[in-house]
Amino acid sequence: MHQKISAGDGRCLPTKRDVTNQYRGLASRRMECSNMARNYIKKTSDPRYTKDDMKKAVLEVKNGSSIEAASKKFIVPEETVRRWS
């Protein structure tokens, strides 16, 4: 048996083994609670442009139009057109 050190007021301080066993107990309790309900809220929205619009904007840039003009024409963010062209 491990010797416990007294805190001076009658309480016993935990030994290293007690603390280790305590953490193991926490892990098993987490496993028991794994079927709790999750209320996930999506933080981003879907893009407001279609893949077809993006393809058209990229083709327009490859045919000589500026990135800014193509992004405004097809309502696709400039950075997206720049990334894909």
PDB file of N, CA and C in Angstrom:
ATOM      1  N   MET A   1       0.848  -1.178   0.000  1.00  0.00           N
ATOM      2  CA  MET A   1       0.000   0.000   0.000  1.00  0.00           C
ATOM      3  C   MET A   1       0.887   1.233   0.000  1.00  0.00           C
ATOM      4  N   HIS A   2       0.492   2.244  -0.732  1.00  0.00           N
ATOM      5  CA  HIS A   2       1.265   3.470  -0.805  1.00  0.00           C
ATOM      6  C   HIS A   2       0.967   4.353   0.389  1.00  0.00           C
ATOM      7  N   GLN A   3       2.006   4.976   0.865  1.00  0.00           N
ATOM      8  CA  GLN A   3       1.858   5.872   2.005  1.00  0.00           C
ATOM      9  C   GLN A   3       1.351   7.227   1.526  1.00  0.00           C
ATOM     10  N   LYS A   4       0.327   7.745   2.195  1.00  0.00           N
ATOM     11  CA  LYS A   4      -0.196   9.053   1.840  1.00  0.00           C
ATOM     12  C   LYS A   4       0.366  10.093   2.793  1.00  0.00           C
ATOM     13  N   ILE A   5       0.644  11.248   2.273  1.00  0.00           N
ATOM     14  CA  ILE A   5       1.235  12.322   3.060  1.00  0.00           C
ATOM     15  C   ILE A   5       0.100  13.193   3.573  1.00  0.00           C
ATOM     16  N   SER A   6       0.164  13.530   4.830  1.00  0.00           N
ATOM     17  CA  SER A   6      -0.893  14.325   5.437  1.00  0.00           C
ATOM     18  C   SER A   6      -0.687  15.800   5.107  1.00  0.00           C
ATOM     19  N   ALA A   7      -1.804  16.504   4.914  1.00  0.00           N
ATOM     20  CA  ALA A   7      -1.748  17.929   4.633  1.00  0.00           C
ATOM     21  C   ALA A   7      -1.656  18.740   5.921  1.00  0.00           C
ATOM     22  N   GLY A   8      -1.707  18.077   7.064  1.00  0.00           N
ATOM     23  CA  GLY A   8      -1.602  18.781   8.332  1.00  0.00           C
ATOM     24  C   GLY A   8      -2.942  19.043   8.994  1.00  0.00           C
ATOM     25  N   ASP A   9      -4.015  18.986   8.249  1.00  0.00           N
ATOM     26  CA  ASP A   9      -5.333  19.241   8.830  1.00  0.00           C
ATOM     27  C   ASP A   9      -6.220  18.002   8.775  1.00  0.00           C
ATOM     28  N   GLY A  10      -5.598  16.841   8.718  1.00  0.00           N
ATOM     29  CA  GLY A  10      -6.348  15.597   8.741  1.00  0.00           C
ATOM     30  C   GLY A  10      -6.642  15.035   7.352  1.00  0.00           C
ATOM     31  N   ARG A  11      -6.476  15.865   6.311  1.00  0.00           N
ATOM     32  CA  ARG A  11      -6.704  15.369   4.948  1.00  0.00           C
ATOM     33  C   ARG A  11      -5.451  14.668   4.451  1.00  0.00           C
ATOM     34  N   CYS A  12      -5.620  13.737   3.547  1.00  0.00           N
ATOM     35  CA  CYS A  12      -4.475  13.061   2.947  1.00  0.00           C
ATOM     36  C   CYS A  12      -4.293  13.555   1.525  1.00  0.00           C
ATOM     37  N   LEU A  13      -3.061  13.844   1.156  1.00  0.00           N
ATOM     38  CA  LEU A  13      -2.757  14.250  -0.210  1.00  0.00           C
ATOM     39  C   LEU A  13      -2.627  13.002  -1.072  1.00  0.00           C
ATOM     40  N   PRO A  14      -3.091  13.034  -2.319  1.00  0.00           N
ATOM     41  CA  PRO A  14      -3.025  11.837  -3.176  1.00  0.00           C
ATOM     42  C   PRO A  14      -1.585  11.544  -3.597  1.00  0.00           C
ATOM     43  N   THR A  15      -1.312  10.262  -3.760  1.00  0.00           N
ATOM     44  CA  THR A  15      -0.008   9.853  -4.269  1.00  0.00           C
ATOM     45  C   THR A  15      -0.044   9.895  -5.790  1.00  0.00           C
ATOM     46  N   LYS A  16       1.107   9.682  -6.417  1.00  0.00           N
ATOM     47  CA  LYS A  16       1.186   9.704  -7.874  1.00  0.00           C
ATOM     48  C   LYS A  16       0.288   8.626  -8.487  1.00  0.00           C
ATOM     49  N   ARG A  17       0.257   7.451  -7.866  1.00  0.00           N
ATOM     50  CA  ARG A  17      -0.566   6.359  -8.382  1.00  0.00           C
ATOM     51  C   ARG A  17      -2.054   6.722  -8.307  1.00  0.00           C
ATOM     52  N   ASP A  18      -2.462   7.367  -7.226  1.00  0.00           N
ATOM     53  CA  ASP A  18      -3.862   7.776  -7.092  1.00  0.00           C
ATOM     54  C   ASP A  18      -4.249   8.744  -8.203  1.00  0.00           C
ATOM     55  N   VAL A  19      -3.363   9.686  -8.500  1.00  0.00           N
ATOM     56  CA  VAL A  19      -3.642  10.670  -9.548  1.00  0.00           C
ATOM     57  C   VAL A  19      -3.728   9.985 -10.899  1.00  0.00           C
ATOM     58  N   THR A  20      -2.812   9.051 -11.173  1.00  0.00           N
ATOM     59  CA  THR A  20      -2.829   8.324 -12.442  1.00  0.00           C
ATOM     60  C   THR A  20      -4.125   7.547 -12.585  1.00  0.00           C
ATOM     61  N   ASN A  21      -4.538   6.850 -11.546  1.00  0.00           N
ATOM     62  CA  ASN A  21      -5.788   6.086 -11.591  1.00  0.00           C
ATOM     63  C   ASN A  21      -6.985   7.020 -11.762  1.00  0.00           C
ATOM     64  N   GLN A  22      -6.908   8.194 -11.186  1.00  0.00           N
ATOM     65  CA  GLN A  22      -7.991   9.163 -11.319  1.00  0.00           C
ATOM     66  C   GLN A  22      -8.140   9.577 -12.780  1.00  0.00           C
ATOM     67  N   TYR A  23      -7.011   9.830 -13.484  1.00  0.00           N
ATOM     68  CA  TYR A  23      -7.086  10.215 -14.887  1.00  0.00           C
ATOM     69  C   TYR A  23      -7.605   9.066 -15.742  1.00  0.00           C
ATOM     70  N   ARG A  24      -7.227   7.859 -15.403  1.00  0.00           N
ATOM     71  CA  ARG A  24      -7.757   6.710 -16.134  1.00  0.00           C
ATOM     72  C   ARG A  24      -9.261   6.624 -15.964  1.00  0.00           C
ATOM     73  N   GLY A  25      -9.739   6.925 -14.772  1.00  0.00           N
ATOM     74  CA  GLY A  25     -11.175   6.925 -14.510  1.00  0.00           C
ATOM     75  C   GLY A  25     -11.879   7.988 -15.331  1.00  0.00           C
ATOM     76  N   LEU A  26     -11.251   9.147 -15.489  1.00  0.00           N
ATOM     77  CA  LEU A  26     -11.846  10.213 -16.299  1.00  0.00           C
ATOM     78  C   LEU A  26     -11.986   9.766 -17.742  1.00  0.00           C
ATOM     79  N   ALA A  27     -10.965   9.056 -18.241  1.00  0.00           N
ATOM     80  CA  ALA A  27     -11.012   8.593 -19.623  1.00  0.00           C
ATOM     81  C   ALA A  27     -12.160   7.616 -19.816  1.00  0.00           C
ATOM     82  N   SER A  28     -12.364   6.713 -18.852  1.00  0.00           N
ATOM     83  CA  SER A  28     -13.460   5.752 -18.998  1.00  0.00           C
ATOM     84  C   SER A  28     -14.807   6.456 -18.888  1.00  0.00           C
ATOM     85  N   ARG A  29     -14.898   7.509 -18.062  1.00  0.00           N
ATOM     86  CA  ARG A  29     -16.147   8.261 -17.960  1.00  0.00           C
ATOM     87  C   ARG A  29     -16.445   8.992 -19.262  1.00  0.00           C
ATOM     88  N   ARG A  30     -15.393   9.462 -19.929  1.00  0.00           N
ATOM     89  CA  ARG A  30     -15.592  10.122 -21.214  1.00  0.00           C
ATOM     90  C   ARG A  30     -16.169   9.140 -22.226  1.00  0.00           C
ATOM     91  N   MET A  31     -15.704   7.892 -22.190  1.00  0.00           N
ATOM     92  CA  MET A  31     -16.206   6.883 -23.109  1.00  0.00           C
ATOM     93  C   MET A  31     -17.687   6.598 -22.834  1.00  0.00           C
ATOM     94  N   GLU A  32     -18.079   6.600 -21.553  1.00  0.00           N
ATOM     95  CA  GLU A  32     -19.471   6.356 -21.210  1.00  0.00           C
ATOM     96  C   GLU A  32     -20.364   7.480 -21.706  1.00  0.00           C
ATOM     97  N   CYS A  33     -19.852   8.700 -21.776  1.00  0.00           N
ATOM     98  CA  CYS A  33     -20.647   9.855 -22.158  1.00  0.00           C
ATOM     99  C   CYS A  33     -20.567  10.148 -23.652  1.00  0.00           C
ATOM    100  N   SER A  34     -19.986   9.263 -24.427  1.00  0.00           N
ATOM    101  CA  SER A  34     -19.777   9.562 -25.837  1.00  0.00           C
ATOM    102  C   SER A  34     -21.069   9.573 -26.653  1.00  0.00           C
ATOM    103  N   ASN A  35     -22.176   9.085 -26.095  1.00  0.00           N
ATOM    104  CA  ASN A  35     -23.423   9.093 -26.844  1.00  0.00           C
ATOM    105  C   ASN A  35     -24.285  10.315 -26.523  1.00  0.00           C
ATOM    106  N   MET A  36     -23.675  11.347 -25.980  1.00  0.00           N
ATOM    107  CA  MET A  36     -24.407  12.570 -25.680  1.00  0.00           C
ATOM    108  C   MET A  36     -24.806  13.268 -26.981  1.00  0.00           C
ATOM    109  N   ALA A  37     -25.895  13.995 -26.936  1.00  0.00           N
ATOM    110  CA  ALA A  37     -26.386  14.700 -28.126  1.00  0.00           C
ATOM    111  C   ALA A  37     -25.439  15.832 -28.502  1.00  0.00           C
ATOM    112  N   ARG A  38     -25.255  16.019 -29.776  1.00  0.00           N
ATOM    113  CA  ARG A  38     -24.412  17.097 -30.273  1.00  0.00           C
ATOM    114  C   ARG A  38     -25.292  18.110 -30.985  1.00  0.00           C
ATOM    115  N   ASN A  39     -25.089  19.374 -30.711  1.00  0.00           N
ATOM    116  CA  ASN A  39     -25.838  20.432 -31.366  1.00  0.00           C
ATOM    117  C   ASN A  39     -24.879  21.280 -32.172  1.00  0.00           C
ATOM    118  N   TYR A  40     -24.438  20.748 -33.322  1.00  0.00           N
ATOM    119  CA  TYR A  40     -23.461  21.440 -34.148  1.00  0.00           C
ATOM    120  C   TYR A  40     -24.160  22.485 -34.997  1.00  0.00           C
ATOM    121  N   ILE A  41     -23.618  23.680 -35.009  1.00  0.00           N
ATOM    122  CA  ILE A  41     -24.146  24.752 -35.836  1.00  0.00           C
ATOM    123  C   ILE A  41     -23.090  25.098 -36.873  1.00  0.00           C
ATOM    124  N   LYS A  42     -23.448  24.956 -38.157  1.00  0.00           N
ATOM    125  CA  LYS A  42     -22.523  25.250 -39.239  1.00  0.00           C
ATOM    126  C   LYS A  42     -22.194  26.728 -39.228  1.00  0.00           C
ATOM    127  N   LYS A  43     -20.918  27.063 -39.309  1.00  0.00           N
ATOM    128  CA  LYS A  43     -20.489  28.447 -39.164  1.00  0.00           C
ATOM    129  C   LYS A  43     -20.263  29.162 -40.495  1.00  0.00           C
ATOM    130  N   THR A  44     -20.239  28.420 -41.582  1.00  0.00           N
ATOM    131  CA  THR A  44     -20.063  29.040 -42.897  1.00  0.00           C
ATOM    132  C   THR A  44     -21.237  28.654 -43.782  1.00  0.00           C
ATOM    133  N   SER A  45     -21.495  29.445 -44.773  1.00  0.00           N
ATOM    134  CA  SER A  45     -22.583  29.139 -45.698  1.00  0.00           C
ATOM    135  C   SER A  45     -21.994  28.628 -47.011  1.00  0.00           C
ATOM    136  N   ASP A  46     -22.845  28.017 -47.797  1.00  0.00           N
ATOM    137  CA  ASP A  46     -22.412  27.528 -49.101  1.00  0.00           C
ATOM    138  C   ASP A  46     -22.141  28.726 -50.005  1.00  0.00           C
ATOM    139  N   PRO A  47     -21.262  28.577 -50.987  1.00  0.00           N
ATOM    140  CA  PRO A  47     -20.989  29.696 -51.884  1.00  0.00           C
ATOM    141  C   PRO A  47     -22.245  30.119 -52.645  1.00  0.00           C
ATOM    142  N   ARG A  48     -22.305  31.384 -52.981  1.00  0.00           N
ATOM    143  CA  ARG A  48     -23.481  31.914 -53.680  1.00  0.00           C
ATOM    144  C   ARG A  48     -23.322  31.831 -55.201  1.00  0.00           C
ATOM    145  N   TYR A  49     -22.324  31.105 -55.653  1.00  0.00           N
ATOM    146  CA  TYR A  49     -22.111  30.912 -57.085  1.00  0.00           C
ATOM    147  C   TYR A  49     -22.027  29.418 -57.362  1.00  0.00           C
ATOM    148  N   THR A  50     -22.324  29.044 -58.583  1.00  0.00           N
ATOM    149  CA  THR A  50     -22.264  27.627 -58.943  1.00  0.00           C
ATOM    150  C   THR A  50     -20.899  27.296 -59.535  1.00  0.00           C
ATOM    151  N   LYS A  51     -20.625  26.017 -59.635  1.00  0.00           N
ATOM    152  CA  LYS A  51     -19.375  25.588 -60.258  1.00  0.00           C
ATOM    153  C   LYS A  51     -19.340  25.996 -61.728  1.00  0.00           C
ATOM    154  N   ASP A  52     -20.518  25.995 -62.341  1.00  0.00           N
ATOM    155  CA  ASP A  52     -20.613  26.391 -63.745  1.00  0.00           C
ATOM    156  C   ASP A  52     -20.217  27.857 -63.916  1.00  0.00           C
ATOM    157  N   ASP A  53     -20.690  28.732 -62.996  1.00  0.00           N
ATOM    158  CA  ASP A  53     -20.304  30.148 -63.041  1.00  0.00           C
ATOM    159  C   ASP A  53     -18.803  30.307 -62.881  1.00  0.00           C
ATOM    160  N   MET A  54     -18.224  29.519 -61.970  1.00  0.00           N
ATOM    161  CA  MET A  54     -16.788  29.609 -61.749  1.00  0.00           C
ATOM    162  C   MET A  54     -16.015  29.179 -62.998  1.00  0.00           C
ATOM    163  N   LYS A  55     -16.466  28.096 -63.619  1.00  0.00           N
ATOM    164  CA  LYS A  55     -15.792  27.629 -64.840  1.00  0.00           C
ATOM    165  C   LYS A  55     -15.875  28.672 -65.951  1.00  0.00           C
ATOM    166  N   LYS A  56     -17.037  29.306 -66.068  1.00  0.00           N
ATOM    167  CA  LYS A  56     -17.207  30.343 -67.095  1.00  0.00           C
ATOM    168  C   LYS A  56     -16.282  31.529 -66.835  1.00  0.00           C
ATOM    169  N   ALA A  57     -16.154  31.917 -65.568  1.00  0.00           N
ATOM    170  CA  ALA A  57     -15.277  33.033 -65.215  1.00  0.00           C
ATOM    171  C   ALA A  57     -13.821  32.696 -65.521  1.00  0.00           C
ATOM    172  N   VAL A  58     -13.400  31.486 -65.216  1.00  0.00           N
ATOM    173  CA  VAL A  58     -12.018  31.067 -65.484  1.00  0.00           C
ATOM    174  C   VAL A  58     -11.765  31.033 -66.999  1.00  0.00           C
ATOM    175  N   LEU A  59     -12.720  30.525 -67.755  1.00  0.00           N
ATOM    176  CA  LEU A  59     -12.560  30.511 -69.213  1.00  0.00           C
ATOM    177  C   LEU A  59     -12.473  31.920 -69.777  1.00  0.00           C
ATOM    178  N   GLU A  60     -13.263  32.816 -69.230  1.00  0.00           N
ATOM    179  CA  GLU A  60     -13.238  34.211 -69.685  1.00  0.00           C
ATOM    180  C   GLU A  60     -11.851  34.827 -69.435  1.00  0.00           C
ATOM    181  N   VAL A  61     -11.253  34.522 -68.281  1.00  0.00           N
ATOM    182  CA  VAL A  61      -9.913  35.044 -67.974  1.00  0.00           C
ATOM    183  C   VAL A  61      -8.896  34.434 -68.926  1.00  0.00           C
ATOM    184  N   LYS A  62      -9.013  33.141 -69.215  1.00  0.00           N
ATOM    185  CA  LYS A  62      -8.074  32.489 -70.129  1.00  0.00           C
ATOM    186  C   LYS A  62      -8.214  33.010 -71.557  1.00  0.00           C
ATOM    187  N   ASN A  63      -9.394  33.548 -71.883  1.00  0.00           N
ATOM    188  CA  ASN A  63      -9.623  34.124 -73.214  1.00  0.00           C
ATOM    189  C   ASN A  63      -9.237  35.589 -73.289  1.00  0.00           C
ATOM    190  N   GLY A  64      -8.662  36.142 -72.207  1.00  0.00           N
ATOM    191  CA  GLY A  64      -8.124  37.490 -72.273  1.00  0.00           C
ATOM    192  C   GLY A  64      -8.807  38.529 -71.412  1.00  0.00           C
ATOM    193  N   SER A  65      -9.885  38.203 -70.773  1.00  0.00           N
ATOM    194  CA  SER A  65     -10.579  39.167 -69.914  1.00  0.00           C
ATOM    195  C   SER A  65      -9.812  39.329 -68.596  1.00  0.00           C
ATOM    196  N   SER A  66     -10.025  40.436 -67.923  1.00  0.00           N
ATOM    197  CA  SER A  66      -9.347  40.626 -66.631  1.00  0.00           C
ATOM    198  C   SER A  66     -10.069  39.818 -65.545  1.00  0.00           C
ATOM    199  N   ILE A  67      -9.351  39.497 -64.500  1.00  0.00           N
ATOM    200  CA  ILE A  67      -9.918  38.738 -63.380  1.00  0.00           C
ATOM    201  C   ILE A  67     -11.057  39.519 -62.737  1.00  0.00           C
ATOM    202  N   GLU A  68     -10.857  40.820 -62.582  1.00  0.00           N
ATOM    203  CA  GLU A  68     -11.877  41.662 -61.951  1.00  0.00           C
ATOM    204  C   GLU A  68     -13.173  41.674 -62.769  1.00  0.00           C
ATOM    205  N   ALA A  69     -13.036  41.827 -64.091  1.00  0.00           N
ATOM    206  CA  ALA A  69     -14.219  41.874 -64.955  1.00  0.00           C
ATOM    207  C   ALA A  69     -14.961  40.536 -64.950  1.00  0.00           C
ATOM    208  N   ALA A  70     -14.211  39.444 -65.027  1.00  0.00           N
ATOM    209  CA  ALA A  70     -14.843  38.122 -65.042  1.00  0.00           C
ATOM    210  C   ALA A  70     -15.534  37.826 -63.714  1.00  0.00           C
ATOM    211  N   SER A  71     -14.911  38.237 -62.611  1.00  0.00           N
ATOM    212  CA  SER A  71     -15.522  37.963 -61.305  1.00  0.00           C
ATOM    213  C   SER A  71     -16.812  38.764 -61.118  1.00  0.00           C
ATOM    214  N   LYS A  72     -16.831  39.989 -61.620  1.00  0.00           N
ATOM    215  CA  LYS A  72     -18.047  40.802 -61.517  1.00  0.00           C
ATOM    216  C   LYS A  72     -19.145  40.277 -62.444  1.00  0.00           C
ATOM    217  N   LYS A  73     -18.759  39.839 -63.625  1.00  0.00           N
ATOM    218  CA  LYS A  73     -19.740  39.365 -64.605  1.00  0.00           C
ATOM    219  C   LYS A  73     -20.459  38.102 -64.124  1.00  0.00           C
ATOM    220  N   PHE A  74     -19.700  37.181 -63.518  1.00  0.00           N
ATOM    221  CA  PHE A  74     -20.278  35.893 -63.103  1.00  0.00           C
ATOM    222  C   PHE A  74     -20.530  35.802 -61.596  1.00  0.00           C
ATOM    223  N   ILE A  75     -20.318  36.913 -60.881  1.00  0.00           N
ATOM    224  CA  ILE A  75     -20.549  37.010 -59.431  1.00  0.00           C
ATOM    225  C   ILE A  75     -19.811  35.894 -58.678  1.00  0.00           C
ATOM    226  N   VAL A  76     -18.516  35.824 -58.949  1.00  0.00           N
ATOM    227  CA  VAL A  76     -17.613  34.896 -58.274  1.00  0.00           C
ATOM    228  C   VAL A  76     -16.529  35.740 -57.620  1.00  0.00           C
ATOM    229  N   PRO A  77     -16.110  35.442 -56.385  1.00  0.00           N
ATOM    230  CA  PRO A  77     -15.064  36.241 -55.750  1.00  0.00           C
ATOM    231  C   PRO A  77     -13.777  36.287 -56.580  1.00  0.00           C
ATOM    232  N   GLU A  78     -13.157  37.458 -56.585  1.00  0.00           N
ATOM    233  CA  GLU A  78     -11.921  37.625 -57.377  1.00  0.00           C
ATOM    234  C   GLU A  78     -10.858  36.613 -56.978  1.00  0.00           C
ATOM    235  N   GLU A  79     -10.697  36.386 -55.705  1.00  0.00           N
ATOM    236  CA  GLU A  79      -9.645  35.471 -55.234  1.00  0.00           C
ATOM    237  C   GLU A  79      -9.888  34.067 -55.748  1.00  0.00           C
ATOM    238  N   THR A  80     -11.138  33.670 -55.855  1.00  0.00           N
ATOM    239  CA  THR A  80     -11.460  32.345 -56.374  1.00  0.00           C
ATOM    240  C   THR A  80     -11.109  32.247 -57.856  1.00  0.00           C
ATOM    241  N   VAL A  81     -11.446  33.272 -58.611  1.00  0.00           N
ATOM    242  CA  VAL A  81     -11.110  33.286 -60.039  1.00  0.00           C
ATOM    243  C   VAL A  81      -9.586  33.287 -60.203  1.00  0.00           C
ATOM    244  N   ARG A  82      -8.899  34.080 -59.391  1.00  0.00           N
ATOM    245  CA  ARG A  82      -7.437  34.135 -59.464  1.00  0.00           C
ATOM    246  C   ARG A  82      -6.830  32.768 -59.142  1.00  0.00           C
ATOM    247  N   ARG A  83      -7.375  32.099 -58.141  1.00  0.00           N
ATOM    248  CA  ARG A  83      -6.841  30.814 -57.712  1.00  0.00           C
ATOM    249  C   ARG A  83      -7.031  29.751 -58.792  1.00  0.00           C
ATOM    250  N   TRP A  84      -8.146  29.757 -59.497  1.00  0.00           N
ATOM    251  CA  TRP A  84      -8.443  28.716 -60.465  1.00  0.00           C
ATOM    252  C   TRP A  84      -7.990  29.038 -61.883  1.00  0.00           C
ATOM    253  N   SER A  85      -7.596  30.273 -62.141  1.00  0.00           N
ATOM    254  CA  SER A  85      -7.188  30.597 -63.513  1.00  0.00           C
ATOM    255  C   SER A  85      -5.691  30.484 -63.692  1.00  0.00           C
TER     256      SER A  85
END
